[in-house]
Protein backbone atom coordinates (compact mmCIF):
# COMPACT_ATOMS: atom_id res chain seq x y z
CA UNK A 1 1.79 -10.02 17.11
CA UNK A 2 4.82 -7.84 17.29
CA UNK A 3 7.12 -9.29 15.26
CA UNK A 4 4.54 -9.91 13.08
CA UNK A 5 3.71 -6.18 12.60
CA UNK A 6 7.53 -5.44 12.01
CA UNK A 7 7.55 -7.63 9.57
CA UNK A 8 4.70 -6.34 7.79
CA UNK A 9 6.21 -2.71 7.75
CA UNK A 10 9.77 -3.99 6.74
CA UNK A 11 7.97 -5.40 3.66
CA UNK A 12 5.84 -2.76 3.14
CA UNK A 13 8.76 -0.44 2.88
CA UNK A 14 10.36 -2.65 0.59
CA UNK A 15 7.74 -2.59 -1.96
CA UNK A 16 7.03 0.90 -1.76
CA UNK A 17 11.36 1.31 -2.24
CA UNK A 18 10.82 -1.29 -5.07
CA UNK A 19 8.01 0.08 -7.11
CA UNK A 20 6.68 3.15 -8.04
CA UNK A 21 4.34 4.74 -5.43
CA UNK A 22 1.58 7.38 -7.08
CA UNK A 23 2.15 9.45 -3.70
CA UNK A 24 4.64 9.18 -1.46
CA UNK A 25 4.90 11.67 1.63
CA UNK A 26 8.98 11.13 1.79
CA UNK A 27 9.71 11.78 -1.70
CA UNK A 28 8.32 15.49 -2.60
CA UNK A 29 9.12 15.16 -6.39
CA UNK A 30 5.75 13.44 -6.23
CA UNK A 31 4.02 16.36 -4.93
CA UNK A 32 5.42 18.10 -7.88
CA UNK A 33 3.99 16.08 -10.41
CA UNK A 34 0.50 16.26 -8.86
CA UNK A 35 0.82 20.25 -8.99
CA UNK A 36 1.85 20.19 -12.58
CA UNK A 37 -0.95 17.75 -13.52
CA UNK A 38 -3.50 20.52 -12.18
CA UNK A 39 -1.76 23.49 -13.49
CA UNK A 40 -2.12 21.34 -16.94
CA UNK A 41 -5.66 20.44 -16.90
CA UNK A 42 -6.60 24.09 -15.41
CA UNK A 43 -5.10 25.84 -18.40
CA UNK A 44 -6.80 23.41 -20.98
CA UNK A 45 -10.06 24.57 -19.62
CA UNK A 46 -9.03 28.16 -19.60
CA UNK A 47 -7.96 27.65 -23.39
CA UNK A 48 -11.40 26.43 -23.90
CA UNK A 49 -13.46 29.16 -22.43
CA UNK A 50 -11.34 31.60 -24.70
CA UNK A 51 -12.39 29.47 -27.58
CA UNK A 52 -16.06 29.69 -26.69
CA UNK A 53 -18.63 31.18 -28.74
CA UNK A 54 -20.19 32.74 -27.06
CA UNK A 55 -18.22 32.60 -24.06
CA UNK A 56 -19.76 32.37 -20.41
CA UNK A 57 -18.94 35.19 -17.89
CA UNK A 58 -15.72 34.62 -15.79
CA UNK A 59 -18.32 33.97 -12.38
CA UNK A 60 -20.14 31.45 -14.23
CA UNK A 61 -16.83 29.60 -15.77
CA UNK A 62 -15.09 29.67 -12.67
CA UNK A 63 -18.45 27.65 -10.59
CA UNK A 64 -18.35 25.42 -13.64
CA UNK A 65 -14.55 24.96 -13.07
CA UNK A 66 -14.42 24.70 -9.38
CA UNK A 67 -17.70 22.50 -9.96
CA UNK A 68 -15.70 20.17 -12.54
CA UNK A 69 -11.99 20.62 -10.62
CA UNK A 70 -13.42 19.34 -7.20
CA UNK A 71 -14.49 16.36 -8.64
CA UNK A 72 -11.54 15.88 -10.64
CA UNK A 73 -9.42 16.21 -7.36
CA UNK A 74 -11.74 13.46 -5.54
CA UNK A 75 -11.77 11.44 -8.66
CA UNK A 76 -7.74 11.89 -8.96
CA UNK A 77 -7.60 10.88 -5.17
CA UNK A 78 -9.58 8.30 -4.84
CA UNK A 79 -7.96 6.77 -8.36
CA UNK A 80 -4.34 6.97 -6.01
CA UNK A 81 -6.19 5.18 -3.43
CA UNK A 82 -7.63 2.23 -6.11
CA UNK A 83 -4.17 1.62 -7.19
CA UNK A 84 -2.84 1.57 -3.38
CA UNK A 85 -5.97 -0.99 -2.51
CA UNK A 86 -5.68 -2.87 -5.58
CA UNK A 87 -2.33 -3.57 -5.69
CA UNK A 88 -2.30 -5.95 -2.87
CA UNK A 89 -5.11 -7.37 -3.56
CA UNK A 90 -4.98 -8.89 -6.54
CA UNK A 91 -7.69 -11.61 -7.50
CA UNK A 92 -5.88 -15.39 -8.57
CA UNK A 93 -2.15 -15.68 -8.63
CA UNK A 94 -0.54 -13.18 -10.53
CA UNK A 95 0.86 -10.08 -8.74
CA UNK A 96 1.74 -6.62 -9.46
CA UNK A 97 2.78 -4.28 -6.85
CA UNK A 98 3.45 -1.13 -9.36
CA UNK A 99 0.82 1.31 -8.10
CA UNK A 100 1.54 3.64 -10.89
CA UNK A 101 0.73 0.88 -13.45
CA UNK A 102 -2.56 -0.12 -11.72
CA UNK A 103 -3.11 3.88 -11.50
CA UNK A 104 -2.62 4.09 -15.28
CA UNK A 105 -5.14 1.13 -16.07
CA UNK A 106 -7.52 2.75 -13.65
CA UNK A 107 -7.14 5.92 -15.17
CA UNK A 108 -7.59 4.56 -18.74
CA UNK A 109 -11.01 2.71 -17.46
CA UNK A 110 -12.06 6.04 -15.89
CA UNK A 111 -11.71 7.94 -18.83
CA UNK A 112 -13.81 6.51 -21.21
CA UNK A 113 -15.89 3.97 -19.59
CA UNK A 114 -16.23 6.03 -16.42
CA UNK A 115 -17.02 9.06 -18.37
CA UNK A 116 -19.70 7.17 -20.48
CA UNK A 117 -21.52 5.89 -16.96
CA UNK A 118 -21.02 9.76 -15.39
CA UNK A 119 -22.84 11.42 -18.37
CA UNK A 120 -25.34 8.54 -18.40
CA UNK A 121 -26.34 9.19 -14.49
CA UNK A 122 -26.25 13.31 -15.20
CA UNK A 123 -28.82 12.87 -17.75
CA UNK A 124 -31.24 10.39 -15.65
CA UNK A 125 -30.48 13.29 -12.54
CA UNK A 126 -31.80 16.09 -14.80
CA UNK A 127 -34.48 13.99 -16.57
CA UNK A 128 -35.55 13.38 -13.00
CA UNK A 129 -35.07 16.97 -11.71
CA UNK A 130 -37.42 18.32 -14.43
CA UNK A 131 -40.09 15.92 -13.95
CA UNK A 132 -39.83 16.52 -10.07
CA UNK A 133 -39.13 20.23 -10.55
CA UNK A 134 -35.77 19.74 -8.54
CA UNK A 135 -34.95 23.90 -9.36
CA UNK A 136 -31.46 23.64 -8.61
CA UNK A 137 -30.67 20.77 -10.77
CA UNK A 138 -32.94 21.30 -14.06
CA UNK A 139 -29.89 23.32 -15.72
CA UNK A 140 -26.37 22.28 -15.38
CA UNK A 141 -24.19 25.50 -15.14
CA UNK A 142 -27.03 27.90 -14.83
CA UNK A 143 -26.26 29.98 -11.82
CA UNK A 144 -28.95 33.24 -11.53
CA UNK A 145 -30.64 35.11 -8.75
CA UNK A 146 -30.10 35.15 -5.05
CA UNK A 147 -29.98 31.17 -5.02
CA UNK A 148 -27.03 30.65 -7.38
CA UNK A 149 -24.48 29.95 -4.91
CA UNK A 150 -27.08 27.40 -3.32
CA UNK A 151 -27.72 26.03 -7.37
CA UNK A 152 -23.60 25.70 -7.71
CA UNK A 153 -23.99 24.06 -4.34
CA UNK A 154 -26.35 21.02 -5.17
CA UNK A 155 -25.20 20.61 -8.52
CA UNK A 156 -21.32 20.01 -6.89
CA UNK A 157 -22.67 17.30 -4.85
CA UNK A 158 -24.82 15.60 -7.18
CA UNK A 159 -21.24 15.79 -9.16
CA UNK A 160 -19.58 14.10 -6.47
CA UNK A 161 -22.18 11.71 -5.97
CA UNK A 162 -22.42 10.61 -9.60
CA UNK A 163 -18.75 9.91 -9.49
CA UNK A 164 -18.67 7.91 -5.89
CA UNK A 165 -21.05 5.55 -8.02
CA UNK A 166 -19.33 5.18 -10.80
CA UNK A 167 -15.95 4.77 -9.23
CA UNK A 168 -17.41 2.21 -6.96
CA UNK A 169 -18.76 -0.05 -9.99
CA UNK A 170 -15.61 0.63 -11.77
CA UNK A 171 -13.30 -0.51 -8.82
CA UNK A 172 -15.15 -3.84 -8.63
CA UNK A 173 -14.91 -4.17 -11.98
CA UNK A 174 -11.62 -3.37 -12.23
CA UNK A 175 -10.83 -5.97 -8.90
CA UNK A 176 -12.90 -8.42 -10.45
CA UNK A 177 -10.19 -8.84 -13.29
CA UNK A 178 -7.47 -7.42 -11.64
CA UNK A 179 -5.49 -11.01 -12.72
CA UNK A 180 -5.98 -9.92 -16.21
CA UNK A 181 -4.77 -6.67 -15.57
CA UNK A 182 -2.11 -7.44 -13.73
CA UNK A 183 -0.87 -9.25 -16.35
CA UNK A 184 -1.17 -6.85 -18.83
CA UNK A 185 0.44 -4.16 -16.27
CA UNK A 186 3.34 -6.40 -15.72
CA UNK A 187 4.13 -6.19 -19.88
CA UNK A 188 3.06 -2.71 -20.50
CA UNK A 189 5.10 -0.91 -17.14
CA UNK A 190 8.49 -3.50 -16.83
CA UNK A 191 10.54 -1.49 -19.05
CA UNK A 192 9.86 1.39 -16.84
CA UNK A 193 10.16 0.02 -13.52
CA UNK A 194 14.15 0.71 -13.40
CA UNK A 195 13.74 4.24 -12.86
CA UNK A 196 10.67 4.94 -10.33
CA UNK A 197 10.29 8.79 -11.74
CA UNK A 198 10.49 8.68 -14.90
CA UNK A 199 7.62 5.95 -14.56
CA UNK A 200 5.60 8.61 -12.08
CA UNK A 201 5.95 11.40 -14.82
CA UNK A 202 4.91 9.04 -17.36
CA UNK A 203 1.57 7.64 -15.27
CA UNK A 204 0.88 10.86 -14.02
CA UNK A 205 1.49 13.27 -17.17
CA UNK A 206 2.57 11.96 -20.57
CA UNK A 207 0.03 9.55 -20.43
CA UNK A 208 -2.92 10.66 -19.57
CA UNK A 209 -2.00 14.71 -21.03
CA UNK A 210 -4.43 13.72 -23.92
CA UNK A 211 -7.03 11.60 -22.27
CA UNK A 212 -7.39 14.22 -19.05
CA UNK A 213 -8.03 17.31 -21.75
CA UNK A 214 -10.33 15.19 -23.65
CA UNK A 215 -12.31 13.99 -20.54
CA UNK A 216 -11.88 17.66 -18.93
CA UNK A 217 -13.60 19.31 -22.43
CA UNK A 218 -16.40 16.60 -22.70
CA UNK A 219 -17.46 16.73 -19.30
CA UNK A 220 -17.49 20.78 -19.19
CA UNK A 221 -19.25 20.40 -22.14
CA UNK A 222 -22.21 18.42 -20.00
CA UNK A 223 -21.61 20.36 -16.81
CA UNK A 224 -21.73 24.04 -18.45
CA UNK A 225 -24.66 25.73 -19.18
CA UNK A 226 -26.45 24.78 -21.89
CA UNK A 227 -29.86 26.03 -23.99
CA UNK A 228 -32.91 24.56 -22.07
CA UNK A 229 -36.54 23.96 -23.28
CA UNK A 230 -38.30 27.61 -22.27
CA UNK A 231 -35.36 29.68 -22.19
CA UNK A 232 -33.64 31.62 -25.06
CA UNK A 233 -30.18 33.13 -24.62
CA UNK A 234 -30.06 37.74 -23.91
CA UNK A 235 -28.34 40.06 -25.52
CA UNK A 236 -24.40 39.81 -25.46
CA UNK A 237 -22.19 41.64 -23.46
CA UNK A 238 -19.75 43.14 -25.89
CA UNK A 239 -17.83 44.62 -22.67
CA UNK A 240 -17.04 41.04 -21.01
CA UNK A 241 -16.10 39.57 -24.34
CA UNK A 242 -19.45 37.50 -25.37
CA UNK A 243 -20.58 36.29 -22.12
CA UNK A 244 -24.00 34.90 -22.00
CA UNK A 245 -26.92 34.17 -19.62
CA UNK A 246 -30.37 33.02 -19.87
CA UNK A 247 -33.79 34.08 -19.06
CA UNK A 248 -36.34 31.66 -17.45
CA UNK A 249 -39.32 31.93 -17.55
CA UNK A 250 -41.19 33.10 -13.99
CA UNK A 251 -37.99 34.78 -12.85
CA UNK A 252 -38.65 38.23 -12.15
């Protein structure tokens, strides 16, 4: 048994040395790439806020960003774990141990079908929250009154729950068709496998650059405050650069 364990560890080490890894505790370069990815995503949301008319207050925007940012970090970690998991559990005779290739494939599915599923599930939550009067979930991005942080917390938990459900569905889909995706990934990423750092930067920065911005902008449009029925925007606060809040019936 000890010999088997040692052999498995040696095989794992040789595999990680040969192929691109989405995160390596022994290589600080992967940490720098993750940090740059987070900064780029946050900068895109700040740019979006500057172009909003009317513009959300800084507090509302911050709560929206932390809600979506927390979900993004959660999804990013989940995508890395899925990439590691699927790379060693490919169905059929095809094999692809390149974690970066699996991350890219997973990311593409996540920002297309995953975003669509997330928006549909979010719409269902809003529909039933209005039907059953779940106050903190009825209006996404509306944080008013003494319970505004409770509202933010509940909306965060629901968003994480939606992302989890979607990730489970897409992970099963990715694994079920992993034999096919292994062939596609090997063809597309084989030219880059000679330089693991370049492949990592391409997969984490260049490839998802536009897709990340589109994903965050679209998701932010659904997670932020909208004008629900029975509510009208109050007068804008010129000193806050056009910030706005919503008045709700029954609020004192």
